[in-house]
Amino acid sequence: MSDQHELAREGSDKPHRKTMREWIGDLFSGEPDNVPELLEMLQDAAERQLIEVDALNMIFGALHVSDMHARDIMIPRSALVVVQEDQQPAEFLPTVIESQHSRFPVTGDDLDDIKGILHAKDLLPLLLRESGTRFNMKDSIRPAAVVPESKRLNVLLEEFRTNRIHMALVVDEYGQTSGVVTIEDVLEQIVGEIEDEHDVDDDSFVKQIEACSFHVKATTEIEDFNEYFGLNFSDDEFDTIGGIVLQAFGHVPELGETVEIESLRFEVLNADSRRLRLLRVDTPEPIHHDSQT
């Protein structure tokens, strides 16, 4: 045997170091037949440290978004902060300043008569106006995008991007205002809670959707949950309502899974590979609050 053949044989005995392409090929060597199999494969990849857990959670969120609708995450009409079409700056500016929002639906006769969206930044020219100049709301508002409650979030996100808008009015089958949804609301379903300088003191963990239906953040502390719903869940073992719901399931549930705990029905609206994010809570009797928690 020649020296060259001997060297080739000895070189072939060395362990082969896999390239990134080969790792990815191994990861998807068994093509998944459905979404649960895909998620299981991705979770296995995270456990093998082929992908970061944070990246895995964003993938989970992106997949879940396609199964969610505008009604699942919208700000309900009962919680909307609006200004009226016939108001002058001295009348609506206190509302704008106090709420610290950047966009406001502008109403005509009532909440079902939305004239457009007022951007707070479009009010800056008011600083240069001469005193005595009358303000006309129609000159400052922008058209309101309107979407049905059933609009899927992945489609809505693409419309937000294509049309370069950040807020849409959500209407029911009769054309009445159900609430509004923002691009931030959609993105939070993918990347988790997005906090800005105005969110530090925000303790709004419960949004009433209907008389017997509520959207509840899984991070809501049990004490606050009990106070809102008039219940007595124990906080000895868990700090948040998400902990109690996870215990009731016995596993990290998929989107749409439900469980009953005492008199309440919990439905998972959003979750990633290791935690719950958003729950729908249905109560047997209506609960009315003068203001949102």
C-alpha atoms as a PDB file:
ATOM      1  CA  MET A   1       0.000   0.000   0.000  1.00  0.00           C
ATOM      2  CA  SER A   2       1.385   3.388  -0.897  1.00  0.00           C
ATOM      3  CA  ASP A   3       2.126   6.055   1.670  1.00  0.00           C
ATOM      4  CA  GLN A   4      -0.629   8.231   0.181  1.00  0.00           C
ATOM      5  CA  HIS A   5      -3.215   5.447   0.598  1.00  0.00           C
ATOM      6  CA  GLU A   6      -2.044   4.860   4.152  1.00  0.00           C
ATOM      7  CA  LEU A   7      -2.378   8.550   5.008  1.00  0.00           C
ATOM      8  CA  ALA A   8      -5.849   8.644   3.478  1.00  0.00           C
ATOM      9  CA  ARG A   9      -6.913   5.613   5.530  1.00  0.00           C
ATOM     10  CA  GLU A  10      -5.520   7.089   8.751  1.00  0.00           C
ATOM     11  CA  GLY A  11      -7.241  10.420   8.067  1.00  0.00           C
ATOM     12  CA  SER A  12     -10.591   8.699   7.563  1.00  0.00           C
ATOM     13  CA  ASP A  13     -10.385   7.220  11.082  1.00  0.00           C
ATOM     14  CA  LYS A  14     -10.563  10.690  12.682  1.00  0.00           C
ATOM     15  CA  PRO A  15     -13.982  11.719  14.128  1.00  0.00           C
ATOM     16  CA  HIS A  16     -15.960  13.944  11.758  1.00  0.00           C
ATOM     17  CA  ARG A  17     -16.844  17.416  13.062  1.00  0.00           C
ATOM     18  CA  LYS A  18     -20.372  18.331  11.946  1.00  0.00           C
ATOM     19  CA  THR A  19     -20.964  21.584  10.171  1.00  0.00           C
ATOM     20  CA  MET A  20     -23.901  23.851  11.036  1.00  0.00           C
ATOM     21  CA  ARG A  21     -25.646  22.696   7.849  1.00  0.00           C
ATOM     22  CA  GLU A  22     -25.311  19.082   8.973  1.00  0.00           C
ATOM     23  CA  TRP A  23     -26.682  19.932  12.439  1.00  0.00           C
ATOM     24  CA  ILE A  24     -29.725  21.552  10.848  1.00  0.00           C
ATOM     25  CA  GLY A  25     -30.085  18.585   8.508  1.00  0.00           C
ATOM     26  CA  ASP A  26     -30.072  16.215  11.480  1.00  0.00           C
ATOM     27  CA  LEU A  27     -32.580  18.404  13.298  1.00  0.00           C
ATOM     28  CA  PHE A  28     -35.115  18.145  10.482  1.00  0.00           C
ATOM     29  CA  SER A  29     -34.133  14.696   9.196  1.00  0.00           C
ATOM     30  CA  GLY A  30     -37.549  13.367  10.218  1.00  0.00           C
ATOM     31  CA  GLU A  31     -40.023  15.728   8.579  1.00  0.00           C
ATOM     32  CA  PRO A  32     -42.905  16.573  10.978  1.00  0.00           C
ATOM     33  CA  ASP A  33     -46.409  15.703   9.824  1.00  0.00           C
ATOM     34  CA  ASN A  34     -48.244  18.304  11.918  1.00  0.00           C
ATOM     35  CA  VAL A  35     -47.720  21.331  14.135  1.00  0.00           C
ATOM     36  CA  PRO A  36     -47.518  19.409  17.450  1.00  0.00           C
ATOM     37  CA  GLU A  37     -44.731  17.252  15.982  1.00  0.00           C
ATOM     38  CA  LEU A  38     -42.935  20.367  14.767  1.00  0.00           C
ATOM     39  CA  LEU A  39     -43.185  21.966  18.214  1.00  0.00           C
ATOM     40  CA  GLU A  40     -41.917  18.798  19.844  1.00  0.00           C
ATOM     41  CA  MET A  41     -38.966  18.726  17.453  1.00  0.00           C
ATOM     42  CA  LEU A  42     -38.151  22.374  18.174  1.00  0.00           C
ATOM     43  CA  GLN A  43     -38.394  21.818  21.925  1.00  0.00           C
ATOM     44  CA  ASP A  44     -35.994  18.892  21.597  1.00  0.00           C
ATOM     45  CA  ALA A  45     -33.613  21.154  19.673  1.00  0.00           C
ATOM     46  CA  ALA A  46     -33.731  23.690  22.508  1.00  0.00           C
ATOM     47  CA  GLU A  47     -32.992  20.965  25.065  1.00  0.00           C
ATOM     48  CA  ARG A  48     -29.983  19.976  22.969  1.00  0.00           C
ATOM     49  CA  GLN A  49     -28.968  23.679  22.953  1.00  0.00           C
ATOM     50  CA  LEU A  50     -29.170  23.897  19.155  1.00  0.00           C
ATOM     51  CA  ILE A  51     -31.429  26.937  19.490  1.00  0.00           C
ATOM     52  CA  GLU A  52     -31.903  29.396  22.338  1.00  0.00           C
ATOM     53  CA  VAL A  53     -34.952  29.066  24.574  1.00  0.00           C
ATOM     54  CA  ASP A  54     -35.921  32.685  23.867  1.00  0.00           C
ATOM     55  CA  ALA A  55     -35.848  31.941  20.137  1.00  0.00           C
ATOM     56  CA  LEU A  56     -37.982  28.851  20.730  1.00  0.00           C
ATOM     57  CA  ASN A  57     -40.554  30.886  22.634  1.00  0.00           C
ATOM     58  CA  MET A  58     -40.794  33.402  19.804  1.00  0.00           C
ATOM     59  CA  ILE A  59     -41.334  30.555  17.331  1.00  0.00           C
ATOM     60  CA  PHE A  60     -44.091  29.203  19.569  1.00  0.00           C
ATOM     61  CA  GLY A  61     -45.634  32.662  19.742  1.00  0.00           C
ATOM     62  CA  ALA A  62     -45.466  33.129  15.966  1.00  0.00           C
ATOM     63  CA  LEU A  63     -47.195  29.784  15.406  1.00  0.00           C
ATOM     64  CA  HIS A  64     -49.883  30.561  17.967  1.00  0.00           C
ATOM     65  CA  VAL A  65     -50.601  33.949  16.399  1.00  0.00           C
ATOM     66  CA  SER A  66     -52.008  32.249  13.307  1.00  0.00           C
ATOM     67  CA  ASP A  67     -54.653  30.615  15.522  1.00  0.00           C
ATOM     68  CA  MET A  68     -55.645  33.808  17.340  1.00  0.00           C
ATOM     69  CA  HIS A  69     -58.128  36.477  16.308  1.00  0.00           C
ATOM     70  CA  ALA A  70     -58.481  40.212  16.861  1.00  0.00           C
ATOM     71  CA  ARG A  71     -61.184  39.644  19.494  1.00  0.00           C
ATOM     72  CA  ASP A  72     -58.711  37.611  21.585  1.00  0.00           C
ATOM     73  CA  ILE A  73     -56.353  40.514  22.288  1.00  0.00           C
ATOM     74  CA  MET A  74     -58.309  43.695  21.522  1.00  0.00           C
ATOM     75  CA  ILE A  75     -58.757  46.492  24.028  1.00  0.00           C
ATOM     76  CA  PRO A  76     -62.517  46.230  24.675  1.00  0.00           C
ATOM     77  CA  ARG A  77     -64.801  49.213  24.073  1.00  0.00           C
ATOM     78  CA  SER A  78     -65.384  49.573  27.820  1.00  0.00           C
ATOM     79  CA  ALA A  79     -61.679  50.373  28.275  1.00  0.00           C
ATOM     80  CA  LEU A  80     -61.216  52.711  25.296  1.00  0.00           C
ATOM     81  CA  VAL A  81     -59.896  56.207  25.824  1.00  0.00           C
ATOM     82  CA  VAL A  82     -61.465  58.416  23.161  1.00  0.00           C
ATOM     83  CA  VAL A  83     -61.864  62.054  22.248  1.00  0.00           C
ATOM     84  CA  GLN A  84     -64.918  63.628  20.663  1.00  0.00           C
ATOM     85  CA  GLU A  85     -65.032  65.171  17.232  1.00  0.00           C
ATOM     86  CA  ASP A  86     -66.448  68.487  18.422  1.00  0.00           C
ATOM     87  CA  GLN A  87     -64.003  69.000  21.304  1.00  0.00           C
ATOM     88  CA  GLN A  88     -61.444  71.774  21.383  1.00  0.00           C
ATOM     89  CA  PRO A  89     -57.841  71.214  22.616  1.00  0.00           C
ATOM     90  CA  ALA A  90     -58.588  72.674  26.042  1.00  0.00           C
ATOM     91  CA  GLU A  91     -61.267  69.999  26.446  1.00  0.00           C
ATOM     92  CA  PHE A  92     -59.438  66.881  25.233  1.00  0.00           C
ATOM     93  CA  LEU A  93     -55.781  67.627  26.027  1.00  0.00           C
ATOM     94  CA  PRO A  94     -56.163  66.695  29.729  1.00  0.00           C
ATOM     95  CA  THR A  95     -57.381  63.253  28.587  1.00  0.00           C
ATOM     96  CA  VAL A  96     -54.457  62.892  26.162  1.00  0.00           C
ATOM     97  CA  ILE A  97     -51.915  63.900  28.801  1.00  0.00           C
ATOM     98  CA  GLU A  98     -53.376  61.771  31.581  1.00  0.00           C
ATOM     99  CA  SER A  99     -53.681  58.584  29.519  1.00  0.00           C
ATOM    100  CA  GLN A 100     -50.224  58.955  27.934  1.00  0.00           C
ATOM    101  CA  HIS A 101     -51.422  57.037  24.887  1.00  0.00           C
ATOM    102  CA  SER A 102     -50.145  57.866  21.418  1.00  0.00           C
ATOM    103  CA  ARG A 103     -53.371  57.235  19.445  1.00  0.00           C
ATOM    104  CA  PHE A 104     -57.019  57.930  20.201  1.00  0.00           C
ATOM    105  CA  PRO A 105     -60.236  56.960  18.426  1.00  0.00           C
ATOM    106  CA  VAL A 106     -62.284  60.053  17.615  1.00  0.00           C
ATOM    107  CA  THR A 107     -66.039  59.620  18.087  1.00  0.00           C
ATOM    108  CA  GLY A 108     -69.043  61.397  16.665  1.00  0.00           C
ATOM    109  CA  ASP A 109     -72.415  60.669  18.247  1.00  0.00           C
ATOM    110  CA  ASP A 110     -71.236  57.594  20.161  1.00  0.00           C
ATOM    111  CA  LEU A 111     -68.659  54.773  20.224  1.00  0.00           C
ATOM    112  CA  ASP A 112     -70.237  53.218  17.145  1.00  0.00           C
ATOM    113  CA  ASP A 113     -69.598  56.412  15.178  1.00  0.00           C
ATOM    114  CA  ILE A 114     -65.813  56.489  14.861  1.00  0.00           C
ATOM    115  CA  LYS A 115     -64.619  59.375  12.703  1.00  0.00           C
ATOM    116  CA  GLY A 116     -60.932  58.473  12.647  1.00  0.00           C
ATOM    117  CA  ILE A 117     -57.767  58.176  14.730  1.00  0.00           C
ATOM    118  CA  LEU A 118     -56.030  61.117  16.379  1.00  0.00           C
ATOM    119  CA  HIS A 119     -52.240  60.797  16.768  1.00  0.00           C
ATOM    120  CA  ALA A 120     -50.822  62.659  19.744  1.00  0.00           C
ATOM    121  CA  LYS A 121     -47.823  63.759  17.658  1.00  0.00           C
ATOM    122  CA  ASP A 122     -50.177  65.503  15.222  1.00  0.00           C
ATOM    123  CA  LEU A 123     -51.093  67.891  18.023  1.00  0.00           C
ATOM    124  CA  LEU A 124     -47.596  69.418  18.139  1.00  0.00           C
ATOM    125  CA  PRO A 125     -48.437  72.089  15.516  1.00  0.00           C
ATOM    126  CA  LEU A 126     -50.886  73.486  18.064  1.00  0.00           C
ATOM    127  CA  LEU A 127     -47.867  74.971  19.850  1.00  0.00           C
ATOM    128  CA  LEU A 128     -47.230  77.243  16.854  1.00  0.00           C
ATOM    129  CA  ARG A 129     -50.796  78.325  16.299  1.00  0.00           C
ATOM    130  CA  GLU A 130     -51.716  81.914  17.003  1.00  0.00           C
ATOM    131  CA  SER A 131     -54.009  82.366  19.965  1.00  0.00           C
ATOM    132  CA  GLY A 132     -57.643  82.606  18.955  1.00  0.00           C
ATOM    133  CA  THR A 133     -57.254  80.254  15.973  1.00  0.00           C
ATOM    134  CA  ARG A 134     -60.059  77.728  16.106  1.00  0.00           C
ATOM    135  CA  PHE A 135     -59.055  74.083  16.021  1.00  0.00           C
ATOM    136  CA  ASN A 136     -60.827  71.738  13.591  1.00  0.00           C
ATOM    137  CA  MET A 137     -60.554  68.050  14.514  1.00  0.00           C
ATOM    138  CA  LYS A 138     -61.149  66.985  10.906  1.00  0.00           C
ATOM    139  CA  ASP A 139     -57.814  68.542   9.920  1.00  0.00           C
ATOM    140  CA  SER A 140     -55.883  66.392  12.408  1.00  0.00           C
ATOM    141  CA  ILE A 141     -57.468  62.934  12.370  1.00  0.00           C
ATOM    142  CA  ARG A 142     -56.441  60.076  10.122  1.00  0.00           C
ATOM    143  CA  PRO A 143     -58.703  57.384   8.629  1.00  0.00           C
ATOM    144  CA  ALA A 144     -59.437  54.463  10.930  1.00  0.00           C
ATOM    145  CA  ALA A 145     -58.620  50.964   9.672  1.00  0.00           C
ATOM    146  CA  VAL A 146     -61.534  48.626  10.430  1.00  0.00           C
ATOM    147  CA  VAL A 147     -61.217  44.871  10.966  1.00  0.00           C
ATOM    148  CA  PRO A 148     -63.731  42.220  12.060  1.00  0.00           C
ATOM    149  CA  GLU A 149     -63.422  40.427  15.379  1.00  0.00           C
ATOM    150  CA  SER A 150     -62.597  37.236  13.477  1.00  0.00           C
ATOM    151  CA  LYS A 151     -59.514  38.690  11.736  1.00  0.00           C
ATOM    152  CA  ARG A 152     -56.569  36.329  12.266  1.00  0.00           C
ATOM    153  CA  LEU A 153     -53.592  37.993  13.922  1.00  0.00           C
ATOM    154  CA  ASN A 154     -51.019  36.819  11.376  1.00  0.00           C
ATOM    155  CA  VAL A 155     -53.092  38.398   8.587  1.00  0.00           C
ATOM    156  CA  LEU A 156     -53.640  41.534  10.664  1.00  0.00           C
ATOM    157  CA  LEU A 157     -49.910  41.877  11.348  1.00  0.00           C
ATOM    158  CA  GLU A 158     -49.186  41.730   7.623  1.00  0.00           C
ATOM    159  CA  GLU A 159     -51.837  44.410   6.986  1.00  0.00           C
ATOM    160  CA  PHE A 160     -50.300  46.602   9.684  1.00  0.00           C
ATOM    161  CA  ARG A 161     -46.901  46.266   7.995  1.00  0.00           C
ATOM    162  CA  THR A 162     -48.160  46.727   4.444  1.00  0.00           C
ATOM    163  CA  ASN A 163     -50.336  49.756   5.215  1.00  0.00           C
ATOM    164  CA  ARG A 164     -47.931  51.202   7.804  1.00  0.00           C
ATOM    165  CA  ILE A 165     -50.555  51.607  10.471  1.00  0.00           C
ATOM    166  CA  HIS A 166     -50.397  50.845  14.179  1.00  0.00           C
ATOM    167  CA  MET A 167     -54.029  50.703  15.281  1.00  0.00           C
ATOM    168  CA  ALA A 168     -57.233  49.231  13.898  1.00  0.00           C
ATOM    169  CA  LEU A 169     -60.852  49.498  14.967  1.00  0.00           C
ATOM    170  CA  VAL A 170     -62.438  46.104  15.727  1.00  0.00           C
ATOM    171  CA  VAL A 171     -66.135  45.686  14.887  1.00  0.00           C
ATOM    172  CA  ASP A 172     -68.633  42.888  15.454  1.00  0.00           C
ATOM    173  CA  GLU A 173     -70.914  41.287  12.867  1.00  0.00           C
ATOM    174  CA  TYR A 174     -73.347  44.217  13.150  1.00  0.00           C
ATOM    175  CA  GLY A 175     -70.659  46.821  12.518  1.00  0.00           C
ATOM    176  CA  GLN A 176     -70.668  48.028  16.101  1.00  0.00           C
ATOM    177  CA  THR A 177     -67.386  48.898  17.821  1.00  0.00           C
ATOM    178  CA  SER A 178     -65.997  46.016  19.882  1.00  0.00           C
ATOM    179  CA  GLY A 179     -62.636  47.608  20.678  1.00  0.00           C
ATOM    180  CA  VAL A 180     -59.304  48.425  19.107  1.00  0.00           C
ATOM    181  CA  VAL A 181     -56.166  46.403  18.446  1.00  0.00           C
ATOM    182  CA  THR A 182     -52.627  47.717  17.967  1.00  0.00           C
ATOM    183  CA  ILE A 183     -49.534  46.328  16.299  1.00  0.00           C
ATOM    184  CA  GLU A 184     -47.925  46.213  19.752  1.00  0.00           C
ATOM    185  CA  ASP A 185     -50.739  43.951  20.970  1.00  0.00           C
ATOM    186  CA  VAL A 186     -49.988  41.513  18.139  1.00  0.00           C
ATOM    187  CA  LEU A 187     -46.211  41.594  18.580  1.00  0.00           C
ATOM    188  CA  GLU A 188     -46.570  40.913  22.300  1.00  0.00           C
ATOM    189  CA  GLN A 189     -48.158  37.569  21.440  1.00  0.00           C
ATOM    190  CA  ILE A 190     -44.885  36.652  19.712  1.00  0.00           C
ATOM    191  CA  VAL A 191     -42.132  38.210  21.809  1.00  0.00           C
ATOM    192  CA  GLY A 192     -43.885  38.631  25.149  1.00  0.00           C
ATOM    193  CA  GLU A 193     -44.792  41.764  27.072  1.00  0.00           C
ATOM    194  CA  ILE A 194     -43.410  44.972  25.571  1.00  0.00           C
ATOM    195  CA  GLU A 195     -42.949  47.617  28.229  1.00  0.00           C
ATOM    196  CA  ASP A 196     -42.280  51.273  27.630  1.00  0.00           C
ATOM    197  CA  GLU A 197     -41.794  54.222  29.932  1.00  0.00           C
ATOM    198  CA  HIS A 198     -45.537  54.484  30.470  1.00  0.00           C
ATOM    199  CA  ASP A 199     -46.044  50.832  31.475  1.00  0.00           C
ATOM    200  CA  VAL A 200     -44.163  50.904  34.794  1.00  0.00           C
ATOM    201  CA  ASP A 201     -47.217  51.648  36.898  1.00  0.00           C
ATOM    202  CA  ASP A 202     -49.723  49.830  34.690  1.00  0.00           C
ATOM    203  CA  ASP A 203     -51.577  47.262  36.819  1.00  0.00           C
ATOM    204  CA  SER A 204     -54.255  46.420  34.268  1.00  0.00           C
ATOM    205  CA  PHE A 205     -54.236  42.624  34.439  1.00  0.00           C
ATOM    206  CA  VAL A 206     -57.938  41.990  33.771  1.00  0.00           C
ATOM    207  CA  LYS A 207     -60.024  43.166  30.806  1.00  0.00           C
ATOM    208  CA  GLN A 208     -63.738  42.533  30.790  1.00  0.00           C
ATOM    209  CA  ILE A 209     -64.873  41.389  27.326  1.00  0.00           C
ATOM    210  CA  GLU A 210     -68.472  40.496  28.110  1.00  0.00           C
ATOM    211  CA  ALA A 211     -70.572  40.294  31.267  1.00  0.00           C
ATOM    212  CA  CYS A 212     -69.250  36.791  32.016  1.00  0.00           C
ATOM    213  CA  SER A 213     -65.993  36.767  30.021  1.00  0.00           C
ATOM    214  CA  PHE A 214     -62.607  38.269  30.848  1.00  0.00           C
ATOM    215  CA  HIS A 215     -59.077  38.307  29.505  1.00  0.00           C
ATOM    216  CA  VAL A 216     -56.597  37.788  32.324  1.00  0.00           C
ATOM    217  CA  LYS A 217     -52.818  37.933  32.202  1.00  0.00           C
ATOM    218  CA  ALA A 218     -51.340  34.745  33.618  1.00  0.00           C
ATOM    219  CA  THR A 219     -48.990  36.876  35.731  1.00  0.00           C
ATOM    220  CA  THR A 220     -51.909  38.331  37.690  1.00  0.00           C
ATOM    221  CA  GLU A 221     -51.194  37.887  41.389  1.00  0.00           C
ATOM    222  CA  ILE A 222     -53.654  35.606  43.148  1.00  0.00           C
ATOM    223  CA  GLU A 223     -54.531  38.304  45.676  1.00  0.00           C
ATOM    224  CA  ASP A 224     -55.512  40.696  42.877  1.00  0.00           C
ATOM    225  CA  PHE A 225     -57.392  37.932  41.044  1.00  0.00           C
ATOM    226  CA  ASN A 226     -59.354  37.069  44.187  1.00  0.00           C
ATOM    227  CA  GLU A 227     -60.198  40.713  44.819  1.00  0.00           C
ATOM    228  CA  TYR A 228     -61.479  41.221  41.278  1.00  0.00           C
ATOM    229  CA  PHE A 229     -63.577  38.052  41.100  1.00  0.00           C
ATOM    230  CA  GLY A 230     -64.554  37.806  44.763  1.00  0.00           C
ATOM    231  CA  LEU A 231     -62.865  34.422  45.236  1.00  0.00           C
ATOM    232  CA  ASN A 232     -60.544  32.797  47.746  1.00  0.00           C
ATOM    233  CA  PHE A 233     -57.861  30.958  45.777  1.00  0.00           C
ATOM    234  CA  SER A 234     -54.943  30.074  48.049  1.00  0.00           C
ATOM    235  CA  ASP A 235     -51.591  31.776  47.438  1.00  0.00           C
ATOM    236  CA  ASP A 236     -49.659  29.397  49.681  1.00  0.00           C
ATOM    237  CA  GLU A 237     -48.182  27.432  46.786  1.00  0.00           C
ATOM    238  CA  PHE A 238     -48.339  29.868  43.856  1.00  0.00           C
ATOM    239  CA  ASP A 239     -48.073  33.642  43.472  1.00  0.00           C
ATOM    240  CA  THR A 240     -49.978  34.019  40.192  1.00  0.00           C
ATOM    241  CA  ILE A 241     -53.174  32.687  38.701  1.00  0.00           C
ATOM    242  CA  GLY A 242     -51.077  31.141  35.933  1.00  0.00           C
ATOM    243  CA  GLY A 243     -49.480  28.844  38.513  1.00  0.00           C
ATOM    244  CA  ILE A 244     -52.859  27.575  39.674  1.00  0.00           C
ATOM    245  CA  VAL A 245     -54.007  26.983  36.098  1.00  0.00           C
ATOM    246  CA  LEU A 246     -50.799  25.137  35.196  1.00  0.00           C
ATOM    247  CA  GLN A 247     -51.241  22.891  38.213  1.00  0.00           C
ATOM    248  CA  ALA A 248     -54.805  22.123  37.158  1.00  0.00           C
ATOM    249  CA  PHE A 249     -53.655  21.139  33.655  1.00  0.00           C
ATOM    250  CA  GLY A 250     -50.678  19.131  34.861  1.00  0.00           C
ATOM    251  CA  HIS A 251     -48.695  20.192  31.772  1.00  0.00           C
ATOM    252  CA  VAL A 252     -47.976  23.294  29.704  1.00  0.00           C
ATOM    253  CA  PRO A 253     -51.236  23.479  27.702  1.00  0.00           C
ATOM    254  CA  GLU A 254     -51.665  24.239  24.033  1.00  0.00           C
ATOM    255  CA  LEU A 255     -53.616  27.175  22.648  1.00  0.00           C
ATOM    256  CA  GLY A 256     -57.359  26.649  23.104  1.00  0.00           C
ATOM    257  CA  GLU A 257     -57.147  24.052  25.888  1.00  0.00           C
ATOM    258  CA  THR A 258     -59.625  24.597  28.723  1.00  0.00           C
ATOM    259  CA  VAL A 259     -59.900  23.591  32.362  1.00  0.00           C
ATOM    260  CA  GLU A 260     -62.485  24.251  35.057  1.00  0.00           C
ATOM    261  CA  ILE A 261     -61.370  25.314  38.509  1.00  0.00           C
ATOM    262  CA  GLU A 262     -64.128  25.683  41.060  1.00  0.00           C
ATOM    263  CA  SER A 263     -66.780  27.792  39.326  1.00  0.00           C
ATOM    264  CA  LEU A 264     -64.535  29.255  36.618  1.00  0.00           C
ATOM    265  CA  ARG A 265     -63.651  28.059  33.128  1.00  0.00           C
ATOM    266  CA  PHE A 266     -60.118  28.914  31.969  1.00  0.00           C
ATOM    267  CA  GLU A 267     -59.122  28.879  28.294  1.00  0.00           C
ATOM    268  CA  VAL A 268     -55.522  29.328  27.138  1.00  0.00           C
ATOM    269  CA  LEU A 269     -55.314  32.205  24.664  1.00  0.00           C
ATOM    270  CA  ASN A 270     -51.535  32.451  24.555  1.00  0.00           C
ATOM    271  CA  ALA A 271     -48.648  30.364  25.876  1.00  0.00           C
ATOM    272  CA  ASP A 272     -45.107  29.508  24.886  1.00  0.00           C
ATOM    273  CA  SER A 273     -42.979  26.440  25.520  1.00  0.00           C
ATOM    274  CA  ARG A 274     -42.728  26.939  29.265  1.00  0.00           C
ATOM    275  CA  ARG A 275     -45.312  29.398  30.561  1.00  0.00           C
ATOM    276  CA  LEU A 276     -48.798  30.789  30.149  1.00  0.00           C
ATOM    277  CA  ARG A 277     -49.285  34.349  28.969  1.00  0.00           C
ATOM    278  CA  LEU A 278     -52.965  35.105  28.479  1.00  0.00           C
ATOM    279  CA  LEU A 279     -56.134  33.395  29.716  1.00  0.00           C
ATOM    280  CA  ARG A 280     -59.818  33.763  29.027  1.00  0.00           C
ATOM    281  CA  VAL A 281     -61.890  33.373  32.169  1.00  0.00           C
ATOM    282  CA  ASP A 282     -65.620  32.655  31.988  1.00  0.00           C
ATOM    283  CA  THR A 283     -67.715  33.122  35.126  1.00  0.00           C
ATOM    284  CA  PRO A 284     -71.116  31.544  35.848  1.00  0.00           C
ATOM    285  CA  GLU A 285     -72.658  34.915  36.721  1.00  0.00           C
ATOM    286  CA  PRO A 286     -72.030  38.427  35.362  1.00  0.00           C
ATOM    287  CA  ILE A 287     -69.448  40.559  37.148  1.00  0.00           C
ATOM    288  CA  HIS A 288     -69.643  44.310  36.864  1.00  0.00           C
ATOM    289  CA  HIS A 289     -66.898  46.770  37.765  1.00  0.00           C
ATOM    290  CA  ASP A 290     -67.033  50.533  37.536  1.00  0.00           C
ATOM    291  CA  SER A 291     -63.448  50.557  36.229  1.00  0.00           C
ATOM    292  CA  GLN A 292     -61.001  48.045  34.899  1.00  0.00           C
ATOM    293  CA  THR A 293     -58.516  46.536  37.351  1.00  0.00           C
END
